[in-house]
Amino acid sequence: MTAHPQTLPDTESSNLARASAEELSRLLGQIPEAERARVQLDGNDLILPRQALALLRDLLVEMAQGNAVTIVPTHAEMTTQEAANILNVSRPHLVKLLEDGEIPFSKTGTHRRIRYQDLMAYRDKRDQESNAALDELVSLAQEHDMGY
């Protein structure tokens, strides 16, 4: 399942999303043991699992910041171009990462496919390494009294 909004949220939608995210976050925090919730939509009652509520909260936070959102199942496979777009790198660079064994992939005929969860694991590892390097630079700058 992939949801593709047509446009970025307008100011009114962003404000509504912000207020809703705050309220939903507050409710989830107040009732941590709740496994489901009853939601009313146009007079109809829906029962939603807690995981869906947490996902809805995260979606509302993104909308509140004016971001468009795409939902991708963690087991989904994507093309090299889609994966490159997510990592904000060129497709040839992504292919090099694949061929170097940095990110697992499979081949369908001549086409490489990357699982979303493998791509996110690589991105998280890359981000952690970048943060560690930045922390080291800050530490060195402070040791040498560079004013940072």
C-alpha atoms as a PDB file:
ATOM      1  CA  MET A   1       0.000   0.000   0.000  1.00  0.00           C
ATOM      2  CA  THR A   2       1.392   3.382  -0.962  1.00  0.00           C
ATOM      3  CA  ALA A   3      -0.425   6.634  -0.393  1.00  0.00           C
ATOM      4  CA  HIS A   4       0.616   9.583  -2.558  1.00  0.00           C
ATOM      5  CA  PRO A   5      -0.893  12.907  -1.588  1.00  0.00           C
ATOM      6  CA  GLN A   6      -1.412  15.213  -4.564  1.00  0.00           C
ATOM      7  CA  THR A   7      -0.184  18.378  -2.857  1.00  0.00           C
ATOM      8  CA  LEU A   8       1.562  19.614   0.225  1.00  0.00           C
ATOM      9  CA  PRO A   9      -0.782  20.392   3.127  1.00  0.00           C
ATOM     10  CA  ASP A  10      -2.063  23.967   3.190  1.00  0.00           C
ATOM     11  CA  THR A  11      -1.774  26.166   6.286  1.00  0.00           C
ATOM     12  CA  GLU A  12      -5.208  25.201   7.601  1.00  0.00           C
ATOM     13  CA  SER A  13      -4.487  21.488   7.193  1.00  0.00           C
ATOM     14  CA  SER A  14      -1.048  21.892   8.823  1.00  0.00           C
ATOM     15  CA  ASN A  15      -2.559  23.674  11.821  1.00  0.00           C
ATOM     16  CA  LEU A  16      -5.278  21.033  12.197  1.00  0.00           C
ATOM     17  CA  ALA A  17      -2.668  18.273  11.875  1.00  0.00           C
ATOM     18  CA  ARG A  18      -0.510  19.933  14.579  1.00  0.00           C
ATOM     19  CA  ALA A  19      -3.394  20.186  17.034  1.00  0.00           C
ATOM     20  CA  SER A  20      -4.494  16.614  16.297  1.00  0.00           C
ATOM     21  CA  ALA A  21      -0.953  15.240  16.652  1.00  0.00           C
ATOM     22  CA  GLU A  22      -0.524  16.957  19.999  1.00  0.00           C
ATOM     23  CA  GLU A  23      -3.834  15.638  21.304  1.00  0.00           C
ATOM     24  CA  LEU A  24      -3.233  12.110  20.007  1.00  0.00           C
ATOM     25  CA  SER A  25       0.277  12.090  21.477  1.00  0.00           C
ATOM     26  CA  ARG A  26      -1.108  13.257  24.826  1.00  0.00           C
ATOM     27  CA  LEU A  27      -3.761  10.530  24.800  1.00  0.00           C
ATOM     28  CA  LEU A  28      -1.277   7.804  23.860  1.00  0.00           C
ATOM     29  CA  GLY A  29       0.971   8.961  26.709  1.00  0.00           C
ATOM     30  CA  GLN A  30      -1.873   9.060  29.253  1.00  0.00           C
ATOM     31  CA  ILE A  31      -3.109   5.571  28.398  1.00  0.00           C
ATOM     32  CA  PRO A  32       0.030   3.540  27.563  1.00  0.00           C
ATOM     33  CA  GLU A  33      -1.703   0.216  28.262  1.00  0.00           C
ATOM     34  CA  ALA A  34      -4.458   0.784  25.680  1.00  0.00           C
ATOM     35  CA  GLU A  35      -4.102  -1.674  22.804  1.00  0.00           C
ATOM     36  CA  ARG A  36      -6.885  -0.148  20.684  1.00  0.00           C
ATOM     37  CA  ALA A  37      -9.084   2.878  20.440  1.00  0.00           C
ATOM     38  CA  ARG A  38     -12.583   3.641  19.270  1.00  0.00           C
ATOM     39  CA  VAL A  39     -12.689   6.444  16.724  1.00  0.00           C
ATOM     40  CA  GLN A  40     -15.857   7.991  15.389  1.00  0.00           C
ATOM     41  CA  LEU A  41     -16.063   9.023  11.733  1.00  0.00           C
ATOM     42  CA  ASP A  42     -19.297  10.512  10.420  1.00  0.00           C
ATOM     43  CA  GLY A  43     -21.291   8.745  13.136  1.00  0.00           C
ATOM     44  CA  ASN A  44     -19.644   5.364  12.520  1.00  0.00           C
ATOM     45  CA  ASP A  45     -17.460   3.744  15.177  1.00  0.00           C
ATOM     46  CA  LEU A  46     -14.114   2.288  14.132  1.00  0.00           C
ATOM     47  CA  ILE A  47     -11.783   0.254  16.328  1.00  0.00           C
ATOM     48  CA  LEU A  48      -8.111   0.963  15.558  1.00  0.00           C
ATOM     49  CA  PRO A  49      -5.045  -0.859  16.895  1.00  0.00           C
ATOM     50  CA  ARG A  50      -2.520   1.174  18.885  1.00  0.00           C
ATOM     51  CA  GLN A  51       0.094   0.744  16.125  1.00  0.00           C
ATOM     52  CA  ALA A  52      -2.241   2.498  13.676  1.00  0.00           C
ATOM     53  CA  LEU A  53      -2.740   5.356  16.134  1.00  0.00           C
ATOM     54  CA  ALA A  54       1.018   5.789  16.560  1.00  0.00           C
ATOM     55  CA  LEU A  55       1.438   5.784  12.777  1.00  0.00           C
ATOM     56  CA  LEU A  56      -1.380   8.328  12.452  1.00  0.00           C
ATOM     57  CA  ARG A  57       0.335  10.538  15.040  1.00  0.00           C
ATOM     58  CA  ASP A  58       3.604  10.380  13.083  1.00  0.00           C
ATOM     59  CA  LEU A  59       1.780  11.204   9.852  1.00  0.00           C
ATOM     60  CA  LEU A  60       0.067  14.185  11.509  1.00  0.00           C
ATOM     61  CA  VAL A  61       3.419  15.469  12.814  1.00  0.00           C
ATOM     62  CA  GLU A  62       4.821  15.398   9.272  1.00  0.00           C
ATOM     63  CA  MET A  63       1.740  17.151   7.893  1.00  0.00           C
ATOM     64  CA  ALA A  64       2.009  19.785  10.632  1.00  0.00           C
ATOM     65  CA  GLN A  65       5.523  20.525   9.369  1.00  0.00           C
ATOM     66  CA  GLY A  66       4.153  20.992   5.853  1.00  0.00           C
ATOM     67  CA  ASN A  67       5.545  17.726   4.507  1.00  0.00           C
ATOM     68  CA  ALA A  68       3.894  15.382   2.031  1.00  0.00           C
ATOM     69  CA  VAL A  69       3.943  11.768   3.244  1.00  0.00           C
ATOM     70  CA  THR A  70       4.326   8.423   1.502  1.00  0.00           C
ATOM     71  CA  ILE A  71       3.555   5.156   3.272  1.00  0.00           C
ATOM     72  CA  VAL A  72       5.658   2.160   2.216  1.00  0.00           C
ATOM     73  CA  PRO A  73       5.350  -1.337   3.725  1.00  0.00           C
ATOM     74  CA  THR A  74       8.645  -2.402   5.313  1.00  0.00           C
ATOM     75  CA  HIS A  75       8.740  -5.576   3.198  1.00  0.00           C
ATOM     76  CA  ALA A  76       8.245  -3.685  -0.082  1.00  0.00           C
ATOM     77  CA  GLU A  77      10.889  -3.842  -2.764  1.00  0.00           C
ATOM     78  CA  MET A  78      11.906  -0.788  -4.736  1.00  0.00           C
ATOM     79  CA  THR A  79      13.903   0.090  -7.794  1.00  0.00           C
ATOM     80  CA  THR A  80      17.394   1.530  -7.640  1.00  0.00           C
ATOM     81  CA  GLN A  81      16.025   4.955  -8.621  1.00  0.00           C
ATOM     82  CA  GLU A  82      13.413   4.911  -5.842  1.00  0.00           C
ATOM     83  CA  ALA A  83      16.059   3.856  -3.313  1.00  0.00           C
ATOM     84  CA  ALA A  84      18.478   6.525  -4.552  1.00  0.00           C
ATOM     85  CA  ASN A  85      15.758   9.158  -4.164  1.00  0.00           C
ATOM     86  CA  ILE A  86      15.123   8.104  -0.562  1.00  0.00           C
ATOM     87  CA  LEU A  87      18.843   8.301   0.279  1.00  0.00           C
ATOM     88  CA  ASN A  88      19.191  11.516  -1.731  1.00  0.00           C
ATOM     89  CA  VAL A  89      22.078  10.091  -3.770  1.00  0.00           C
ATOM     90  CA  SER A  90      22.552   9.428  -7.481  1.00  0.00           C
ATOM     91  CA  ARG A  91      21.441   6.123  -8.929  1.00  0.00           C
ATOM     92  CA  PRO A  92      25.019   5.232  -9.999  1.00  0.00           C
ATOM     93  CA  HIS A  93      26.227   5.848  -6.425  1.00  0.00           C
ATOM     94  CA  LEU A  94      23.461   3.615  -5.076  1.00  0.00           C
ATOM     95  CA  VAL A  95      24.367   0.871  -7.564  1.00  0.00           C
ATOM     96  CA  LYS A  96      27.983   1.085  -6.331  1.00  0.00           C
ATOM     97  CA  LEU A  97      26.759   0.675  -2.743  1.00  0.00           C
ATOM     98  CA  LEU A  98      24.814  -2.394  -3.821  1.00  0.00           C
ATOM     99  CA  GLU A  99      27.707  -3.926  -5.742  1.00  0.00           C
ATOM    100  CA  ASP A 100      30.079  -3.233  -2.816  1.00  0.00           C
ATOM    101  CA  GLY A 101      27.735  -5.178  -0.518  1.00  0.00           C
ATOM    102  CA  GLU A 102      26.758  -2.157   1.588  1.00  0.00           C
ATOM    103  CA  ILE A 103      23.037  -2.760   0.983  1.00  0.00           C
ATOM    104  CA  PRO A 104      21.517  -6.185   0.280  1.00  0.00           C
ATOM    105  CA  PHE A 105      19.575  -6.535  -2.966  1.00  0.00           C
ATOM    106  CA  SER A 106      18.069  -9.123  -5.252  1.00  0.00           C
ATOM    107  CA  LYS A 107      17.815  -9.293  -9.005  1.00  0.00           C
ATOM    108  CA  THR A 108      14.674  -9.745 -11.040  1.00  0.00           C
ATOM    109  CA  GLY A 109      16.065 -10.478 -14.477  1.00  0.00           C
ATOM    110  CA  THR A 110      18.580  -7.679 -14.986  1.00  0.00           C
ATOM    111  CA  HIS A 111      16.859  -5.300 -12.548  1.00  0.00           C
ATOM    112  CA  ARG A 112      18.101  -4.806  -9.000  1.00  0.00           C
ATOM    113  CA  ARG A 113      15.497  -4.613  -6.231  1.00  0.00           C
ATOM    114  CA  ILE A 114      16.099  -3.328  -2.712  1.00  0.00           C
ATOM    115  CA  ARG A 115      13.910  -4.132   0.262  1.00  0.00           C
ATOM    116  CA  TYR A 116      12.710  -1.016   2.045  1.00  0.00           C
ATOM    117  CA  GLN A 117      13.751  -2.342   5.466  1.00  0.00           C
ATOM    118  CA  ASP A 118      17.293  -3.041   4.195  1.00  0.00           C
ATOM    119  CA  LEU A 119      17.507   0.478   2.787  1.00  0.00           C
ATOM    120  CA  MET A 120      16.342   1.972   6.093  1.00  0.00           C
ATOM    121  CA  ALA A 121      18.847  -0.169   8.025  1.00  0.00           C
ATOM    122  CA  TYR A 122      21.648   1.180   5.795  1.00  0.00           C
ATOM    123  CA  ARG A 123      20.401   4.764   6.214  1.00  0.00           C
ATOM    124  CA  ASP A 124      20.230   4.388  10.014  1.00  0.00           C
ATOM    125  CA  LYS A 125      23.758   2.938  10.125  1.00  0.00           C
ATOM    126  CA  ARG A 126      25.051   5.735   7.869  1.00  0.00           C
ATOM    127  CA  ASP A 127      23.361   8.369  10.049  1.00  0.00           C
ATOM    128  CA  GLN A 128      24.814   6.867  13.236  1.00  0.00           C
ATOM    129  CA  GLU A 129      28.306   6.865  11.714  1.00  0.00           C
ATOM    130  CA  SER A 130      27.887  10.478  10.581  1.00  0.00           C
ATOM    131  CA  ASN A 131      26.721  11.548  14.040  1.00  0.00           C
ATOM    132  CA  ALA A 132      29.657   9.756  15.669  1.00  0.00           C
ATOM    133  CA  ALA A 133      32.075  11.509  13.306  1.00  0.00           C
ATOM    134  CA  LEU A 134      30.477  14.888  14.068  1.00  0.00           C
ATOM    135  CA  ASP A 135      30.694  14.216  17.802  1.00  0.00           C
ATOM    136  CA  GLU A 136      34.389  13.409  17.390  1.00  0.00           C
ATOM    137  CA  LEU A 137      34.967  16.644  15.445  1.00  0.00           C
ATOM    138  CA  VAL A 138      33.204  18.663  18.146  1.00  0.00           C
ATOM    139  CA  SER A 139      35.295  16.971  20.813  1.00  0.00           C
ATOM    140  CA  LEU A 140      38.525  17.713  18.946  1.00  0.00           C
ATOM    141  CA  ALA A 141      37.486  21.328  18.364  1.00  0.00           C
ATOM    142  CA  GLN A 142      36.790  21.754  22.079  1.00  0.00           C
ATOM    143  CA  GLU A 143      40.112  20.125  23.024  1.00  0.00           C
ATOM    144  CA  HIS A 144      41.950  22.602  20.805  1.00  0.00           C
ATOM    145  CA  ASP A 145      39.873  25.549  22.052  1.00  0.00           C
ATOM    146  CA  MET A 146      38.571  26.400  18.577  1.00  0.00           C
ATOM    147  CA  GLY A 147      35.528  28.230  19.898  1.00  0.00           C
ATOM    148  CA  TYR A 148      32.883  25.640  19.001  1.00  0.00           C
END
